[in-house]
Amino acid sequence: MIARATWNGVVLAETSRPVLLEGNVYFPPEDVRQEYLARTKAWSVCPWKGLARYYTVQAGGQMNKNAAWYYPH
């Protein structure tokens, strides 16, 4: 299976090793194109996945605030 994340016509991530969990697709960090992401101060906590931090996606001349997240553990 190949998983791909796109936004505004730009491929943000692509992997043959996705993790599928609770209806979400998680990408290994090395398969994410970090040049389209900017960390924000937003965060949330999942009781079993822990702290989530957020990114604003900037691609194709558009910005999508807090549209992507990661678990830094």
PDB file of N, CA and C in Angstrom:
ATOM      1  N   MET A   1       0.847  -1.187   0.000  1.00  0.00           N
ATOM      2  CA  MET A   1       0.000   0.000   0.000  1.00  0.00           C
ATOM      3  C   MET A   1       0.891   1.249   0.000  1.00  0.00           C
ATOM      4  N   ILE A   2       0.573   2.161  -0.870  1.00  0.00           N
ATOM      5  CA  ILE A   2       1.243   3.465  -0.892  1.00  0.00           C
ATOM      6  C   ILE A   2       0.255   4.493  -0.353  1.00  0.00           C
ATOM      7  N   ALA A   3       0.663   5.228   0.650  1.00  0.00           N
ATOM      8  CA  ALA A   3      -0.171   6.309   1.203  1.00  0.00           C
ATOM      9  C   ALA A   3       0.444   7.633   0.778  1.00  0.00           C
ATOM     10  N   ARG A   4      -0.417   8.560   0.411  1.00  0.00           N
ATOM     11  CA  ARG A   4       0.045   9.870  -0.042  1.00  0.00           C
ATOM     12  C   ARG A   4      -0.834  10.936   0.597  1.00  0.00           C
ATOM     13  N   ALA A   5      -0.210  11.981   1.094  1.00  0.00           N
ATOM     14  CA  ALA A   5      -0.939  13.143   1.616  1.00  0.00           C
ATOM     15  C   ALA A   5      -0.683  14.307   0.676  1.00  0.00           C
ATOM     16  N   THR A   6      -1.764  14.884   0.156  1.00  0.00           N
ATOM     17  CA  THR A   6      -1.637  16.041  -0.723  1.00  0.00           C
ATOM     18  C   THR A   6      -2.527  17.161  -0.213  1.00  0.00           C
ATOM     19  N   TRP A   7      -2.130  18.355  -0.532  1.00  0.00           N
ATOM     20  CA  TRP A   7      -2.962  19.519  -0.223  1.00  0.00           C
ATOM     21  C   TRP A   7      -2.646  20.596  -1.237  1.00  0.00           C
ATOM     22  N   ASN A   8      -3.691  21.140  -1.806  1.00  0.00           N
ATOM     23  CA  ASN A   8      -3.547  22.233  -2.766  1.00  0.00           C
ATOM     24  C   ASN A   8      -2.649  21.835  -3.944  1.00  0.00           C
ATOM     25  N   GLY A   9      -2.749  20.560  -4.346  1.00  0.00           N
ATOM     26  CA  GLY A   9      -1.990  20.063  -5.488  1.00  0.00           C
ATOM     27  C   GLY A   9      -0.545  19.701  -5.211  1.00  0.00           C
ATOM     28  N   VAL A  10      -0.126  19.743  -3.950  1.00  0.00           N
ATOM     29  CA  VAL A  10       1.264  19.467  -3.575  1.00  0.00           C
ATOM     30  C   VAL A  10       1.320  18.180  -2.752  1.00  0.00           C
ATOM     31  N   VAL A  11       2.250  17.286  -3.084  1.00  0.00           N
ATOM     32  CA  VAL A  11       2.450  16.068  -2.295  1.00  0.00           C
ATOM     33  C   VAL A  11       3.235  16.443  -1.041  1.00  0.00           C
ATOM     34  N   LEU A  12       2.605  16.250   0.116  1.00  0.00           N
ATOM     35  CA  LEU A  12       3.235  16.583   1.398  1.00  0.00           C
ATOM     36  C   LEU A  12       3.974  15.398   2.000  1.00  0.00           C
ATOM     37  N   ALA A  13       3.470  14.195   1.735  1.00  0.00           N
ATOM     38  CA  ALA A  13       4.086  12.980   2.266  1.00  0.00           C
ATOM     39  C   ALA A  13       3.684  11.807   1.386  1.00  0.00           C
ATOM     40  N   GLU A  14       4.585  10.827   1.316  1.00  0.00           N
ATOM     41  CA  GLU A  14       4.294   9.611   0.556  1.00  0.00           C
ATOM     42  C   GLU A  14       5.114   8.484   1.164  1.00  0.00           C
ATOM     43  N   THR A  15       4.467   7.347   1.404  1.00  0.00           N
ATOM     44  CA  THR A  15       5.175   6.239   2.031  1.00  0.00           C
ATOM     45  C   THR A  15       4.572   4.900   1.634  1.00  0.00           C
ATOM     46  N   SER A  16       5.391   3.876   1.693  1.00  0.00           N
ATOM     47  CA  SER A  16       4.919   2.500   1.548  1.00  0.00           C
ATOM     48  C   SER A  16       4.804   1.844   2.920  1.00  0.00           C
ATOM     49  N   ARG A  17       5.034   2.645   3.984  1.00  0.00           N
ATOM     50  CA  ARG A  17       5.005   2.129   5.358  1.00  0.00           C
ATOM     51  C   ARG A  17       4.076   2.946   6.256  1.00  0.00           C
ATOM     52  N   PRO A  18       2.826   3.176   5.838  1.00  0.00           N
ATOM     53  CA  PRO A  18       1.944   3.989   6.679  1.00  0.00           C
ATOM     54  C   PRO A  18       1.501   3.227   7.926  1.00  0.00           C
ATOM     55  N   VAL A  19       1.153   3.983   8.945  1.00  0.00           N
ATOM     56  CA  VAL A  19       0.528   3.417  10.142  1.00  0.00           C
ATOM     57  C   VAL A  19      -0.912   3.912  10.136  1.00  0.00           C
ATOM     58  N   LEU A  20      -1.865   2.980  10.120  1.00  0.00           N
ATOM     59  CA  LEU A  20      -3.285   3.319  10.109  1.00  0.00           C
ATOM     60  C   LEU A  20      -3.828   3.144  11.515  1.00  0.00           C
ATOM     61  N   LEU A  21      -4.408   4.218  12.060  1.00  0.00           N
ATOM     62  CA  LEU A  21      -4.876   4.186  13.440  1.00  0.00           C
ATOM     63  C   LEU A  21      -6.045   5.138  13.603  1.00  0.00           C
ATOM     64  N   GLU A  22      -7.159   4.629  14.075  1.00  0.00           N
ATOM     65  CA  GLU A  22      -8.357   5.436  14.337  1.00  0.00           C
ATOM     66  C   GLU A  22      -8.795   6.251  13.125  1.00  0.00           C
ATOM     67  N   GLY A  23      -8.700   5.682  11.942  1.00  0.00           N
ATOM     68  CA  GLY A  23      -9.126   6.382  10.741  1.00  0.00           C
ATOM     69  C   GLY A  23      -8.134   7.401  10.207  1.00  0.00           C
ATOM     70  N   ASN A  24      -6.977   7.509  10.835  1.00  0.00           N
ATOM     71  CA  ASN A  24      -5.933   8.433  10.385  1.00  0.00           C
ATOM     72  C   ASN A  24      -4.772   7.649   9.787  1.00  0.00           C
ATOM     73  N   VAL A  25      -4.079   8.277   8.875  1.00  0.00           N
ATOM     74  CA  VAL A  25      -2.870   7.702   8.286  1.00  0.00           C
ATOM     75  C   VAL A  25      -1.683   8.477   8.846  1.00  0.00           C
ATOM     76  N   TYR A  26      -0.757   7.760   9.468  1.00  0.00           N
ATOM     77  CA  TYR A  26       0.450   8.377  10.011  1.00  0.00           C
ATOM     78  C   TYR A  26       1.639   7.991   9.134  1.00  0.00           C
ATOM     79  N   PHE A  27       2.491   8.974   8.864  1.00  0.00           N
ATOM     80  CA  PHE A  27       3.636   8.797   7.983  1.00  0.00           C
ATOM     81  C   PHE A  27       4.924   8.791   8.794  1.00  0.00           C
ATOM     82  N   PRO A  28       5.882   7.919   8.442  1.00  0.00           N
ATOM     83  CA  PRO A  28       7.192   8.001   9.083  1.00  0.00           C
ATOM     84  C   PRO A  28       7.798   9.387   8.810  1.00  0.00           C
ATOM     85  N   PRO A  29       8.475   9.976   9.781  1.00  0.00           N
ATOM     86  CA  PRO A  29       9.015  11.333   9.611  1.00  0.00           C
ATOM     87  C   PRO A  29       9.872  11.505   8.360  1.00  0.00           C
ATOM     88  N   GLU A  30      10.641  10.485   8.008  1.00  0.00           N
ATOM     89  CA  GLU A  30      11.522  10.611   6.845  1.00  0.00           C
ATOM     90  C   GLU A  30      10.765  10.639   5.515  1.00  0.00           C
ATOM     91  N   ASP A  31       9.477  10.328   5.528  1.00  0.00           N
ATOM     92  CA  ASP A  31       8.655  10.346   4.313  1.00  0.00           C
ATOM     93  C   ASP A  31       7.771  11.586   4.210  1.00  0.00           C
ATOM     94  N   VAL A  32       7.981  12.538   5.109  1.00  0.00           N
ATOM     95  CA  VAL A  32       7.212  13.789   5.118  1.00  0.00           C
ATOM     96  C   VAL A  32       8.096  14.914   4.589  1.00  0.00           C
ATOM     97  N   ARG A  33       7.557  15.714   3.710  1.00  0.00           N
ATOM     98  CA  ARG A  33       8.301  16.848   3.137  1.00  0.00           C
ATOM     99  C   ARG A  33       8.166  18.050   4.074  1.00  0.00           C
ATOM    100  N   GLN A  34       9.114  18.160   4.970  1.00  0.00           N
ATOM    101  CA  GLN A  34       9.084  19.164   6.033  1.00  0.00           C
ATOM    102  C   GLN A  34       9.080  20.602   5.515  1.00  0.00           C
ATOM    103  N   GLU A  35       9.537  20.823   4.293  1.00  0.00           N
ATOM    104  CA  GLU A  35       9.594  22.194   3.770  1.00  0.00           C
ATOM    105  C   GLU A  35       8.215  22.829   3.621  1.00  0.00           C
ATOM    106  N   TYR A  36       7.158  22.022   3.686  1.00  0.00           N
ATOM    107  CA  TYR A  36       5.795  22.556   3.588  1.00  0.00           C
ATOM    108  C   TYR A  36       5.122  22.728   4.946  1.00  0.00           C
ATOM    109  N   LEU A  37       5.840  22.447   6.021  1.00  0.00           N
ATOM    110  CA  LEU A  37       5.254  22.471   7.361  1.00  0.00           C
ATOM    111  C   LEU A  37       5.932  23.508   8.244  1.00  0.00           C
ATOM    112  N   ALA A  38       5.132  24.170   9.059  1.00  0.00           N
ATOM    113  CA  ALA A  38       5.652  25.123  10.046  1.00  0.00           C
ATOM    114  C   ALA A  38       5.023  24.788  11.394  1.00  0.00           C
ATOM    115  N   ARG A  39       5.854  24.549  12.390  1.00  0.00           N
ATOM    116  CA  ARG A  39       5.334  24.223  13.724  1.00  0.00           C
ATOM    117  C   ARG A  39       4.543  25.384  14.286  1.00  0.00           C
ATOM    118  N   THR A  40       3.488  25.037  15.029  1.00  0.00           N
ATOM    119  CA  THR A  40       2.694  26.050  15.712  1.00  0.00           C
ATOM    120  C   THR A  40       2.794  25.804  17.214  1.00  0.00           C
ATOM    121  N   LYS A  41       2.160  26.651  17.984  1.00  0.00           N
ATOM    122  CA  LYS A  41       2.152  26.476  19.436  1.00  0.00           C
ATOM    123  C   LYS A  41       1.023  25.563  19.898  1.00  0.00           C
ATOM    124  N   ALA A  42       0.178  25.126  18.970  1.00  0.00           N
ATOM    125  CA  ALA A  42      -0.976  24.286  19.322  1.00  0.00           C
ATOM    126  C   ALA A  42      -0.526  22.892  19.761  1.00  0.00           C
ATOM    127  N   TRP A  43      -1.290  22.316  20.674  1.00  0.00           N
ATOM    128  CA  TRP A  43      -1.028  20.968  21.141  1.00  0.00           C
ATOM    129  C   TRP A  43      -2.321  20.365  21.673  1.00  0.00           C
ATOM    130  N   SER A  44      -2.344  19.064  21.799  1.00  0.00           N
ATOM    131  CA  SER A  44      -3.458  18.350  22.418  1.00  0.00           C
ATOM    132  C   SER A  44      -2.890  17.090  23.050  1.00  0.00           C
ATOM    133  N   VAL A  45      -3.702  16.415  23.860  1.00  0.00           N
ATOM    134  CA  VAL A  45      -3.247  15.204  24.529  1.00  0.00           C
ATOM    135  C   VAL A  45      -4.254  14.088  24.288  1.00  0.00           C
ATOM    136  N   CYS A  46      -3.750  12.950  23.862  1.00  0.00           N
ATOM    137  CA  CYS A  46      -4.540  11.728  23.743  1.00  0.00           C
ATOM    138  C   CYS A  46      -4.161  10.853  24.932  1.00  0.00           C
ATOM    139  N   PRO A  47      -5.137  10.252  25.627  1.00  0.00           N
ATOM    140  CA  PRO A  47      -4.817   9.441  26.804  1.00  0.00           C
ATOM    141  C   PRO A  47      -3.852   8.287  26.527  1.00  0.00           C
ATOM    142  N   TRP A  48      -3.833   7.757  25.312  1.00  0.00           N
ATOM    143  CA  TRP A  48      -2.944   6.627  25.061  1.00  0.00           C
ATOM    144  C   TRP A  48      -1.879   6.891  24.011  1.00  0.00           C
ATOM    145  N   LYS A  49      -1.983   7.956  23.228  1.00  0.00           N
ATOM    146  CA  LYS A  49      -0.920   8.297  22.273  1.00  0.00           C
ATOM    147  C   LYS A  49      -0.028   9.410  22.808  1.00  0.00           C
ATOM    148  N   GLY A  50      -0.518  10.131  23.803  1.00  0.00           N
ATOM    149  CA  GLY A  50       0.293  11.174  24.412  1.00  0.00           C
ATOM    150  C   GLY A  50       0.106  12.545  23.789  1.00  0.00           C
ATOM    151  N   LEU A  51       1.123  13.365  23.934  1.00  0.00           N
ATOM    152  CA  LEU A  51       1.110  14.748  23.473  1.00  0.00           C
ATOM    153  C   LEU A  51       1.194  14.818  21.954  1.00  0.00           C
ATOM    154  N   ALA A  52       0.316  15.597  21.352  1.00  0.00           N
ATOM    155  CA  ALA A  52       0.363  15.865  19.909  1.00  0.00           C
ATOM    156  C   ALA A  52       0.730  17.325  19.710  1.00  0.00           C
ATOM    157  N   ARG A  53       1.620  17.583  18.772  1.00  0.00           N
ATOM    158  CA  ARG A  53       1.999  18.945  18.386  1.00  0.00           C
ATOM    159  C   ARG A  53       1.525  19.161  16.955  1.00  0.00           C
ATOM    160  N   TYR A  54       1.302  20.411  16.575  1.00  0.00           N
ATOM    161  CA  TYR A  54       0.673  20.709  15.289  1.00  0.00           C
ATOM    162  C   TYR A  54       1.566  21.515  14.356  1.00  0.00           C
ATOM    163  N   TYR A  55       1.273  21.356  13.074  1.00  0.00           N
ATOM    164  CA  TYR A  55       1.931  22.099  12.004  1.00  0.00           C
ATOM    165  C   TYR A  55       0.887  22.865  11.201  1.00  0.00           C
ATOM    166  N   THR A  56       1.264  24.003  10.700  1.00  0.00           N
ATOM    167  CA  THR A  56       0.500  24.682   9.662  1.00  0.00           C
ATOM    168  C   THR A  56       1.099  24.240   8.333  1.00  0.00           C
ATOM    169  N   VAL A  57       0.230  23.881   7.392  1.00  0.00           N
ATOM    170  CA  VAL A  57       0.668  23.460   6.063  1.00  0.00           C
ATOM    171  C   VAL A  57       0.687  24.688   5.156  1.00  0.00           C
ATOM    172  N   GLN A  58       1.794  24.877   4.449  1.00  0.00           N
ATOM    173  CA  GLN A  58       1.941  25.991   3.509  1.00  0.00           C
ATOM    174  C   GLN A  58       2.365  25.411   2.162  1.00  0.00           C
ATOM    175  N   ALA A  59       1.434  25.439   1.191  1.00  0.00           N
ATOM    176  CA  ALA A  59       1.725  24.853  -0.118  1.00  0.00           C
ATOM    177  C   ALA A  59       0.865  25.505  -1.185  1.00  0.00           C
ATOM    178  N   GLY A  60       1.423  25.648  -2.356  1.00  0.00           N
ATOM    179  CA  GLY A  60       0.672  26.190  -3.478  1.00  0.00           C
ATOM    180  C   GLY A  60       0.115  27.575  -3.234  1.00  0.00           C
ATOM    181  N   GLY A  61       0.821  28.361  -2.422  1.00  0.00           N
ATOM    182  CA  GLY A  61       0.383  29.724  -2.143  1.00  0.00           C
ATOM    183  C   GLY A  61      -0.737  29.833  -1.124  1.00  0.00           C
ATOM    184  N   GLN A  62      -1.067  28.736  -0.459  1.00  0.00           N
ATOM    185  CA  GLN A  62      -2.133  28.731   0.546  1.00  0.00           C
ATOM    186  C   GLN A  62      -1.586  28.241   1.883  1.00  0.00           C
ATOM    187  N   MET A  63      -2.308  28.577   2.961  1.00  0.00           N
ATOM    188  CA  MET A  63      -1.925  28.162   4.305  1.00  0.00           C
ATOM    189  C   MET A  63      -3.125  27.501   4.978  1.00  0.00           C
ATOM    190  N   ASN A  64      -2.885  26.371   5.662  1.00  0.00           N
ATOM    191  CA  ASN A  64      -3.921  25.634   6.378  1.00  0.00           C
ATOM    192  C   ASN A  64      -3.427  25.438   7.811  1.00  0.00           C
ATOM    193  N   LYS A  65      -3.895  26.284   8.717  1.00  0.00           N
ATOM    194  CA  LYS A  65      -3.387  26.337  10.088  1.00  0.00           C
ATOM    195  C   LYS A  65      -3.746  25.078  10.881  1.00  0.00           C
ATOM    196  N   ASN A  66      -2.747  24.536  11.572  1.00  0.00           N
ATOM    197  CA  ASN A  66      -2.896  23.371  12.448  1.00  0.00           C
ATOM    198  C   ASN A  66      -3.534  22.179  11.739  1.00  0.00           C
ATOM    199  N   ALA A  67      -3.204  21.996  10.475  1.00  0.00           N
ATOM    200  CA  ALA A  67      -3.823  20.944   9.669  1.00  0.00           C
ATOM    201  C   ALA A  67      -3.131  19.587   9.790  1.00  0.00           C
ATOM    202  N   ALA A  68      -1.912  19.569  10.301  1.00  0.00           N
ATOM    203  CA  ALA A  68      -1.172  18.316  10.448  1.00  0.00           C
ATOM    204  C   ALA A  68      -0.645  18.232  11.871  1.00  0.00           C
ATOM    205  N   TRP A  69      -0.497  17.016  12.359  1.00  0.00           N
ATOM    206  CA  TRP A  69       0.011  16.848  13.723  1.00  0.00           C
ATOM    207  C   TRP A  69       0.972  15.679  13.779  1.00  0.00           C
ATOM    208  N   TYR A  70       1.731  15.651  14.866  1.00  0.00           N
ATOM    209  CA  TYR A  70       2.683  14.566  15.090  1.00  0.00           C
ATOM    210  C   TYR A  70       2.786  14.306  16.582  1.00  0.00           C
ATOM    211  N   TYR A  71       3.279  13.123  16.914  1.00  0.00           N
ATOM    212  CA  TYR A  71       3.515  12.736  18.303  1.00  0.00           C
ATOM    213  C   TYR A  71       5.026  12.678  18.502  1.00  0.00           C
ATOM    214  N   PRO A  72       5.595  13.592  19.276  1.00  0.00           N
ATOM    215  CA  PRO A  72       7.054  13.707  19.371  1.00  0.00           C
ATOM    216  C   PRO A  72       7.755  12.646  20.211  1.00  0.00           C
ATOM    217  N   HIS A  73       7.063  11.683  20.740  1.00  0.00           N
ATOM    218  CA  HIS A  73       7.730  10.662  21.561  1.00  0.00           C
ATOM    219  C   HIS A  73       8.466   9.632  20.762  1.00  0.00           C
TER     220      HIS A  73
END
